[in-house]
């Protein structure tokens, strides 16, 4: 199992401000960039027209029994958001950010390895609502120029650009930015930001990932957050549940940001940590605006959803088929980045203030299957 922790980095990398650094390739194993030619929507989604055989679902895995050595709860939910003021304008249009966890080993190029976790973060700045959309790593898709294959191979086949093109082709949705995450850099960032508090809703006891947690609130260090996000062996629906848990970490990161960052000086504190671990494949013009947007997001206004699909076989390997139910999710997101429709528009100006509000990390989190 080689999935990589993608969750925490999304909430914090949106605050990075620096110049592009193409000459620093492979210096770090976290990369933030802007793809070419994927920033406009296509006429519609393109799922592989495969009819899977019946009864391909996996039975839910029972929760592990209590065992010695499992870590008990030691965390707590984040409280009210700090009063926040910033003069940085936020984007006015929908924002689509693709977040991928690379399986790069030491010495390998993070831009040319498999992406064993993949999420599209869709944000509606007008309503301050959005969706975290997780893709099963074995999703069987059409890869531009390469025929059909698993979605996690696209990064290795053609780098971030092909990965973004494949997701755009599959969903019909734009991809404005990408975030690639690796192993050591993510753990270091979590540790330097003094951990993240996450609610574990069921017992975990998985030797493969190292996830050994009793249910409840946990204050994760970098290694523990990575273990939580990698567990797919003793969770109810395998990789679907793992993708959902990675989305929970994204929400936890945003909650942490709201509870700790009160102004632009606070954003810069996070930036100083990130710049020690992040390479940029983009300029700085959009980054401060994205950071200001990230800080204003309330996790309770984001849905955490996994693309529906069914497990089957293709090309002699286990895959996930995405059918009409997945296409309907993509179409639903298109007008407003929200599943089921957006609420009333929020008022935003160049200089904005967030009043303290209660932050909840029990945000809607759903695995949906067809």
Protein backbone atom coordinates (compact mmCIF):
# COMPACT_ATOMS: atom_id res chain seq x y z
CA UNK A 1 0.00 0.00 0.00
CA UNK A 2 1.60 3.20 -1.19
CA UNK A 3 -1.07 5.88 -0.82
CA UNK A 4 0.21 9.18 0.36
CA UNK A 5 -1.20 11.67 2.81
CA UNK A 6 -2.90 14.49 0.90
CA UNK A 7 -5.22 15.93 3.40
CA UNK A 8 -3.50 18.51 5.60
CA UNK A 9 -1.52 20.18 2.84
CA UNK A 10 -4.59 21.52 1.00
CA UNK A 11 -5.79 23.81 3.75
CA UNK A 12 -2.34 25.33 4.19
CA UNK A 13 -0.76 25.40 0.73
CA UNK A 14 -3.42 27.83 -0.46
CA UNK A 15 -1.66 30.46 1.68
CA UNK A 16 1.76 30.17 -0.01
CA UNK A 17 3.20 33.36 -1.57
CA UNK A 18 6.44 33.05 -3.55
CA UNK A 19 7.88 33.07 -7.05
CA UNK A 20 7.91 30.06 -9.32
CA UNK A 21 10.93 27.85 -8.81
CA UNK A 22 11.26 25.50 -11.74
CA UNK A 23 15.00 25.29 -11.12
CA UNK A 24 14.29 23.72 -7.72
CA UNK A 25 12.70 20.55 -9.06
CA UNK A 26 13.05 17.60 -6.69
CA UNK A 27 14.36 19.78 -3.89
CA UNK A 28 11.14 19.09 -1.98
CA UNK A 29 8.43 16.45 -2.15
CA UNK A 30 5.48 18.85 -2.06
CA UNK A 31 4.66 20.81 -5.23
CA UNK A 32 2.04 23.49 -5.91
CA UNK A 33 1.42 24.45 -9.52
CA UNK A 34 -0.90 25.72 -12.21
CA UNK A 35 -1.62 23.46 -15.19
CA UNK A 36 -1.98 24.61 -18.79
CA UNK A 37 -5.07 24.16 -20.95
CA UNK A 38 -7.32 22.64 -18.27
CA UNK A 39 -8.91 25.76 -16.85
CA UNK A 40 -12.13 25.71 -18.90
CA UNK A 41 -15.00 23.24 -18.63
CA UNK A 42 -15.73 20.62 -21.28
CA UNK A 43 -19.25 19.98 -22.63
CA UNK A 44 -19.73 17.12 -20.20
CA UNK A 45 -18.15 14.19 -18.33
CA UNK A 46 -16.63 11.23 -20.16
CA UNK A 47 -16.83 8.01 -18.17
CA UNK A 48 -15.56 4.78 -19.70
CA UNK A 49 -18.63 3.02 -21.22
CA UNK A 50 -18.14 -0.25 -19.37
CA UNK A 51 -20.99 -2.23 -17.83
CA UNK A 52 -19.56 -3.98 -14.75
CA UNK A 53 -20.80 -7.47 -13.84
CA UNK A 54 -23.40 -7.64 -11.08
CA UNK A 55 -22.70 -7.90 -7.36
CA UNK A 56 -19.24 -6.40 -7.38
CA UNK A 57 -19.56 -4.61 -4.05
CA UNK A 58 -17.38 -5.56 -1.13
CA UNK A 59 -19.07 -6.42 2.19
CA UNK A 60 -18.35 -3.91 4.96
CA UNK A 61 -15.37 -4.84 7.13
CA UNK A 62 -16.23 -5.28 10.83
CA UNK A 63 -14.64 -2.79 13.20
CA UNK A 64 -11.51 -4.29 14.81
CA UNK A 65 -11.89 -5.57 18.35
CA UNK A 66 -10.21 -3.69 21.20
CA UNK A 67 -6.50 -4.48 21.34
CA UNK A 68 -3.54 -3.58 23.50
CA UNK A 69 -1.42 -0.75 22.19
CA UNK A 70 -4.10 1.24 20.39
CA UNK A 71 -3.77 4.97 20.96
CA UNK A 72 -6.60 6.46 22.99
CA UNK A 73 -8.19 9.84 22.20
CA UNK A 74 -5.99 12.80 23.14
CA UNK A 75 -7.39 15.61 20.99
CA UNK A 76 -10.37 17.90 20.91
CA UNK A 77 -12.50 19.73 18.33
CA UNK A 78 -11.37 23.16 17.19
CA UNK A 79 -13.35 25.98 18.76
CA UNK A 80 -14.58 29.27 17.38
CA UNK A 81 -12.79 30.87 14.46
CA UNK A 82 -10.55 33.79 15.30
CA UNK A 83 -11.69 37.24 14.25
CA UNK A 84 -10.06 37.62 10.82
CA UNK A 85 -9.31 40.69 8.73
CA UNK A 86 -7.50 40.92 5.42
CA UNK A 87 -7.33 43.42 2.57
CA UNK A 88 -6.44 40.67 0.09
CA UNK A 89 -9.23 40.22 -2.50
CA UNK A 90 -10.48 36.69 -3.05
CA UNK A 91 -11.33 35.05 -6.40
CA UNK A 92 -14.76 35.82 -7.76
CA UNK A 93 -15.22 32.70 -9.90
CA UNK A 94 -15.40 29.03 -8.99
CA UNK A 95 -12.03 27.55 -8.01
CA UNK A 96 -11.01 23.94 -8.80
CA UNK A 97 -7.88 22.49 -7.18
CA UNK A 98 -6.64 18.96 -7.81
CA UNK A 99 -4.79 17.43 -4.85
CA UNK A 100 -2.74 14.29 -5.43
CA UNK A 101 -0.67 12.11 -3.14
CA UNK A 102 2.39 10.71 -4.93
CA UNK A 103 3.90 7.34 -4.10
CA UNK A 104 7.42 8.64 -4.85
CA UNK A 105 10.24 6.87 -3.04
CA UNK A 106 13.44 8.68 -1.97
CA UNK A 107 15.25 9.95 -5.06
CA UNK A 108 12.22 9.63 -7.34
CA UNK A 109 10.63 12.62 -9.07
CA UNK A 110 7.34 13.41 -7.36
CA UNK A 111 6.02 14.66 -10.69
CA UNK A 112 6.54 11.28 -12.39
CA UNK A 113 5.16 8.66 -10.00
CA UNK A 114 1.73 7.19 -9.32
CA UNK A 115 -0.86 9.36 -7.61
CA UNK A 116 -2.39 6.95 -5.14
CA UNK A 117 -4.77 9.50 -3.66
CA UNK A 118 -6.67 12.10 -5.63
CA UNK A 119 -9.18 14.80 -4.63
CA UNK A 120 -10.76 17.69 -6.49
CA UNK A 121 -11.51 20.61 -4.19
CA UNK A 122 -14.33 22.72 -5.65
CA UNK A 123 -14.92 26.13 -4.03
CA UNK A 124 -17.66 28.68 -4.67
CA UNK A 125 -16.36 32.06 -3.40
CA UNK A 126 -19.78 33.66 -3.87
CA UNK A 127 -21.47 31.39 -1.34
CA UNK A 128 -18.41 30.17 0.60
CA UNK A 129 -19.58 26.61 -0.01
CA UNK A 130 -17.88 23.76 -1.80
CA UNK A 131 -17.10 20.09 -2.19
CA UNK A 132 -14.14 17.80 -1.59
CA UNK A 133 -14.49 15.11 -4.24
CA UNK A 134 -12.37 11.99 -3.77
CA UNK A 135 -11.53 9.58 -6.61
CA UNK A 136 -10.80 5.90 -5.91
CA UNK A 137 -7.22 5.34 -7.04
CA UNK A 138 -8.23 2.34 -9.21
CA UNK A 139 -10.88 4.27 -11.17
CA UNK A 140 -10.88 2.95 -14.76
CA UNK A 141 -10.78 6.00 -17.02
CA UNK A 142 -9.85 7.24 -20.48
CA UNK A 143 -6.33 8.68 -20.35
CA UNK A 144 -5.69 11.16 -23.20
CA UNK A 145 -3.17 9.64 -25.60
CA UNK A 146 -2.85 6.40 -23.63
CA UNK A 147 -6.16 4.57 -23.94
CA UNK A 148 -7.90 3.21 -20.86
CA UNK A 149 -6.16 2.72 -17.53
CA UNK A 150 -6.22 3.39 -13.82
CA UNK A 151 -6.43 7.03 -12.84
CA UNK A 152 -3.47 6.67 -10.46
CA UNK A 153 -1.10 6.01 -13.41
CA UNK A 154 -1.64 9.37 -15.10
CA UNK A 155 0.97 11.26 -13.08
CA UNK A 156 3.63 8.67 -13.93
CA UNK A 157 2.66 8.63 -17.61
CA UNK A 158 2.63 12.35 -18.25
CA UNK A 159 3.23 14.39 -15.12
CA UNK A 160 0.83 16.89 -13.52
CA UNK A 161 -0.45 18.12 -16.90
CA UNK A 162 -1.69 14.69 -18.00
CA UNK A 163 -3.14 14.06 -14.55
CA UNK A 164 -5.12 17.31 -14.76
CA UNK A 165 -6.16 16.63 -18.36
CA UNK A 166 -7.44 13.18 -17.40
CA UNK A 167 -9.54 14.52 -14.53
CA UNK A 168 -10.90 17.30 -16.74
CA UNK A 169 -11.73 14.78 -19.46
CA UNK A 170 -13.41 12.45 -16.96
CA UNK A 171 -15.45 15.05 -15.09
CA UNK A 172 -15.88 17.82 -17.65
CA UNK A 173 -14.83 20.21 -14.87
CA UNK A 174 -11.93 22.66 -14.98
CA UNK A 175 -8.68 22.21 -13.05
CA UNK A 176 -7.16 25.58 -12.11
CA UNK A 177 -4.38 24.42 -9.76
CA UNK A 178 -2.74 21.23 -8.54
CA UNK A 179 -1.03 20.18 -5.33
CA UNK A 180 1.30 17.16 -5.27
CA UNK A 181 2.24 15.74 -1.90
CA UNK A 182 4.94 13.29 -0.91
CA UNK A 183 5.89 11.42 2.22
CA UNK A 184 8.49 13.15 4.35
CA UNK A 185 7.57 16.72 3.50
CA UNK A 186 3.97 16.23 4.57
CA UNK A 187 4.96 14.71 7.89
CA UNK A 188 7.38 17.57 8.50
CA UNK A 189 4.75 20.20 7.72
CA UNK A 190 2.23 18.62 10.09
CA UNK A 191 4.84 18.45 12.82
CA UNK A 192 6.03 22.03 12.33
CA UNK A 193 2.44 23.25 12.50
CA UNK A 194 2.11 21.39 15.81
CA UNK A 195 -0.18 18.63 14.59
CA UNK A 196 -3.84 18.48 13.65
CA UNK A 197 -6.92 17.34 15.59
CA UNK A 198 -9.08 14.75 13.81
CA UNK A 199 -12.13 12.76 14.89
CA UNK A 200 -11.68 9.00 14.37
CA UNK A 201 -15.16 7.55 14.07
CA UNK A 202 -14.23 3.86 14.37
CA UNK A 203 -11.46 1.75 15.82
CA UNK A 204 -8.41 1.30 13.57
CA UNK A 205 -5.88 -1.49 13.95
CA UNK A 206 -4.03 -1.85 10.66
CA UNK A 207 -0.40 -3.00 10.65
CA UNK A 208 0.04 -2.09 6.98
CA UNK A 209 -0.58 1.64 7.45
CA UNK A 210 0.33 1.86 11.11
CA UNK A 211 -3.14 3.22 11.96
CA UNK A 212 -3.84 1.97 15.50
CA UNK A 213 -6.40 4.29 17.07
CA UNK A 214 -9.37 4.01 19.38
CA UNK A 215 -12.43 6.07 18.36
CA UNK A 216 -12.57 9.70 19.43
CA UNK A 217 -10.68 12.96 18.93
CA UNK A 218 -6.96 12.52 18.28
CA UNK A 219 -4.18 15.08 18.11
CA UNK A 220 -2.15 13.64 15.23
CA UNK A 221 1.51 14.28 14.59
CA UNK A 222 2.79 13.87 11.04
CA UNK A 223 3.30 10.11 11.17
CA UNK A 224 -0.09 9.51 12.78
CA UNK A 225 -1.91 11.69 10.25
CA UNK A 226 -0.20 9.77 7.45
CA UNK A 227 -1.18 6.43 8.99
CA UNK A 228 -4.81 7.50 9.39
CA UNK A 229 -5.00 8.59 5.76
CA UNK A 230 -3.43 5.38 4.41
CA UNK A 231 -5.62 2.80 6.17
CA UNK A 232 -7.75 0.86 3.69
CA UNK A 233 -7.61 -2.65 5.17
CA UNK A 234 -9.88 -2.37 8.20
CA UNK A 235 -12.21 0.42 7.09
CA UNK A 236 -15.74 -0.37 5.86
CA UNK A 237 -15.26 0.13 2.10
CA UNK A 238 -11.56 -0.16 1.39
CA UNK A 239 -10.17 2.59 -0.82
CA UNK A 240 -13.52 4.42 -0.84
CA UNK A 241 -13.31 4.82 2.95
CA UNK A 242 -9.65 5.75 2.76
CA UNK A 243 -10.44 8.53 0.29
CA UNK A 244 -13.20 9.75 2.60
CA UNK A 245 -10.78 9.85 5.54
CA UNK A 246 -8.30 11.88 3.49
CA UNK A 247 -11.09 14.38 2.90
CA UNK A 248 -11.65 14.54 6.66
CA UNK A 249 -8.03 15.59 7.10
CA UNK A 250 -8.51 18.42 4.62
CA UNK A 251 -11.47 19.62 6.67
CA UNK A 252 -9.45 19.35 9.87
CA UNK A 253 -6.68 21.46 8.33
CA UNK A 254 -9.16 24.19 7.43
CA UNK A 255 -10.57 24.08 10.95
CA UNK A 256 -7.08 24.45 12.37
CA UNK A 257 -6.40 27.41 10.09
CA UNK A 258 -9.60 29.19 11.20
CA UNK A 259 -8.75 28.62 14.86
CA UNK A 260 -5.14 29.85 14.58
CA UNK A 261 -4.98 32.50 11.83
CA UNK A 262 -6.47 35.91 12.60
CA UNK A 263 -4.77 38.18 10.06
CA UNK A 264 -2.20 38.33 7.30
CA UNK A 265 0.62 37.96 9.82
CA UNK A 266 -0.94 34.64 10.81
CA UNK A 267 -1.01 33.57 7.18
CA UNK A 268 2.67 34.42 6.91
CA UNK A 269 3.44 32.15 9.88
CA UNK A 270 2.04 29.21 7.95
CA UNK A 271 3.81 30.36 4.79
CA UNK A 272 7.23 30.31 6.47
CA UNK A 273 6.69 26.67 7.40
CA UNK A 274 5.46 25.73 3.94
CA UNK A 275 8.27 27.37 2.02
CA UNK A 276 10.76 25.07 3.73
CA UNK A 277 9.05 22.09 2.11
CA UNK A 278 7.26 23.25 -1.04
CA UNK A 279 8.39 23.75 -4.64
CA UNK A 280 6.26 25.99 -6.85
CA UNK A 281 5.42 25.33 -10.49
CA UNK A 282 3.57 28.65 -10.71
CA UNK A 283 3.91 32.36 -10.10
CA UNK A 284 2.72 34.31 -7.09
CA UNK A 285 -0.12 36.33 -8.62
CA UNK A 286 -2.96 34.01 -7.53
CA UNK A 287 -1.53 32.56 -4.35
CA UNK A 288 -2.29 35.31 -1.86
CA UNK A 289 -5.89 35.44 -3.08
CA UNK A 290 -6.23 31.67 -2.66
CA UNK A 291 -4.76 31.91 0.83
CA UNK A 292 -7.28 34.57 1.82
CA UNK A 293 -10.05 32.40 0.39
CA UNK A 294 -8.86 29.30 2.26
CA UNK A 295 -8.87 31.14 5.58
CA UNK A 296 -12.47 32.28 5.03
CA UNK A 297 -13.80 28.80 4.29
CA UNK A 298 -15.89 27.21 7.03
CA UNK A 299 -15.45 23.42 6.94
CA UNK A 300 -19.11 22.98 7.85
CA UNK A 301 -19.97 24.46 4.43
CA UNK A 302 -17.95 21.83 2.53
CA UNK A 303 -19.24 18.38 1.59
CA UNK A 304 -16.75 15.49 1.68
CA UNK A 305 -17.81 13.04 -1.02
CA UNK A 306 -16.24 10.04 -2.75
CA UNK A 307 -17.05 9.44 -6.43
CA UNK A 308 -19.50 6.51 -6.66
CA UNK A 309 -18.38 3.38 -8.43
CA UNK A 310 -18.28 -0.42 -8.41
CA UNK A 311 -15.35 -2.77 -8.08
CA UNK A 312 -14.67 -5.09 -11.01
CA UNK A 313 -11.86 -6.30 -13.25
CA UNK A 314 -10.36 -4.94 -16.47
CA UNK A 315 -7.13 -5.85 -18.17
CA UNK A 316 -6.57 -8.62 -15.63
CA UNK A 317 -6.56 -6.24 -12.65
CA UNK A 318 -8.96 -5.00 -10.02
CA UNK A 319 -10.46 -1.64 -10.99
CA UNK A 320 -13.32 0.69 -10.07
CA UNK A 321 -15.90 1.40 -12.77
CA UNK A 322 -17.46 4.87 -12.76
CA UNK A 323 -20.88 4.96 -14.40
CA UNK A 324 -23.93 7.19 -14.65
CA UNK A 325 -24.02 7.92 -10.93
CA UNK A 326 -20.51 9.38 -11.11
CA UNK A 327 -21.39 11.40 -14.21
CA UNK A 328 -24.40 12.83 -12.37
CA UNK A 329 -22.14 13.98 -9.52
CA UNK A 330 -19.84 15.75 -11.97
CA UNK A 331 -22.79 17.47 -13.66
CA UNK A 332 -24.23 18.49 -10.29
CA UNK A 333 -20.99 20.23 -9.33
CA UNK A 334 -20.65 22.14 -12.60
CA UNK A 335 -22.77 25.28 -11.97
CA UNK A 336 -21.88 26.04 -8.34
CA UNK A 337 -19.24 23.57 -7.01
CA UNK A 338 -21.84 22.19 -4.61
CA UNK A 339 -23.69 18.89 -4.67
CA UNK A 340 -27.42 19.58 -4.46
CA UNK A 341 -27.16 23.28 -5.19
CA UNK A 342 -25.57 26.26 -3.48
CA UNK A 343 -27.20 28.42 -0.83
CA UNK A 344 -27.60 32.21 -0.79
CA UNK A 345 -24.61 34.16 -2.01
CA UNK A 346 -22.30 35.58 0.63
CA UNK A 347 -21.22 39.22 0.54
CA UNK A 348 -17.51 39.66 -0.24
CA UNK A 349 -15.46 42.81 -0.72
CA UNK A 350 -11.81 43.69 -1.15
CA UNK A 351 -11.45 44.19 2.60
CA UNK A 352 -13.32 41.53 4.50
CA UNK A 353 -13.73 40.42 8.07
CA UNK A 354 -14.81 37.09 9.49
CA UNK A 355 -16.71 37.31 12.75
CA UNK A 356 -15.96 34.51 15.22
CA UNK A 357 -18.21 31.55 14.60
CA UNK A 358 -18.26 28.01 15.86
CA UNK A 359 -16.19 25.72 13.67
CA UNK A 360 -17.39 22.16 13.25
CA UNK A 361 -15.45 19.27 11.80
CA UNK A 362 -18.47 16.98 11.78
CA UNK A 363 -19.03 18.18 8.22
CA UNK A 364 -21.08 16.11 5.81
CA UNK A 365 -18.89 13.20 4.79
CA UNK A 366 -20.30 10.66 2.41
CA UNK A 367 -19.19 7.63 0.44
CA UNK A 368 -21.69 7.01 -2.35
CA UNK A 369 -21.86 3.89 -4.49
CA UNK A 370 -23.86 2.97 -7.55
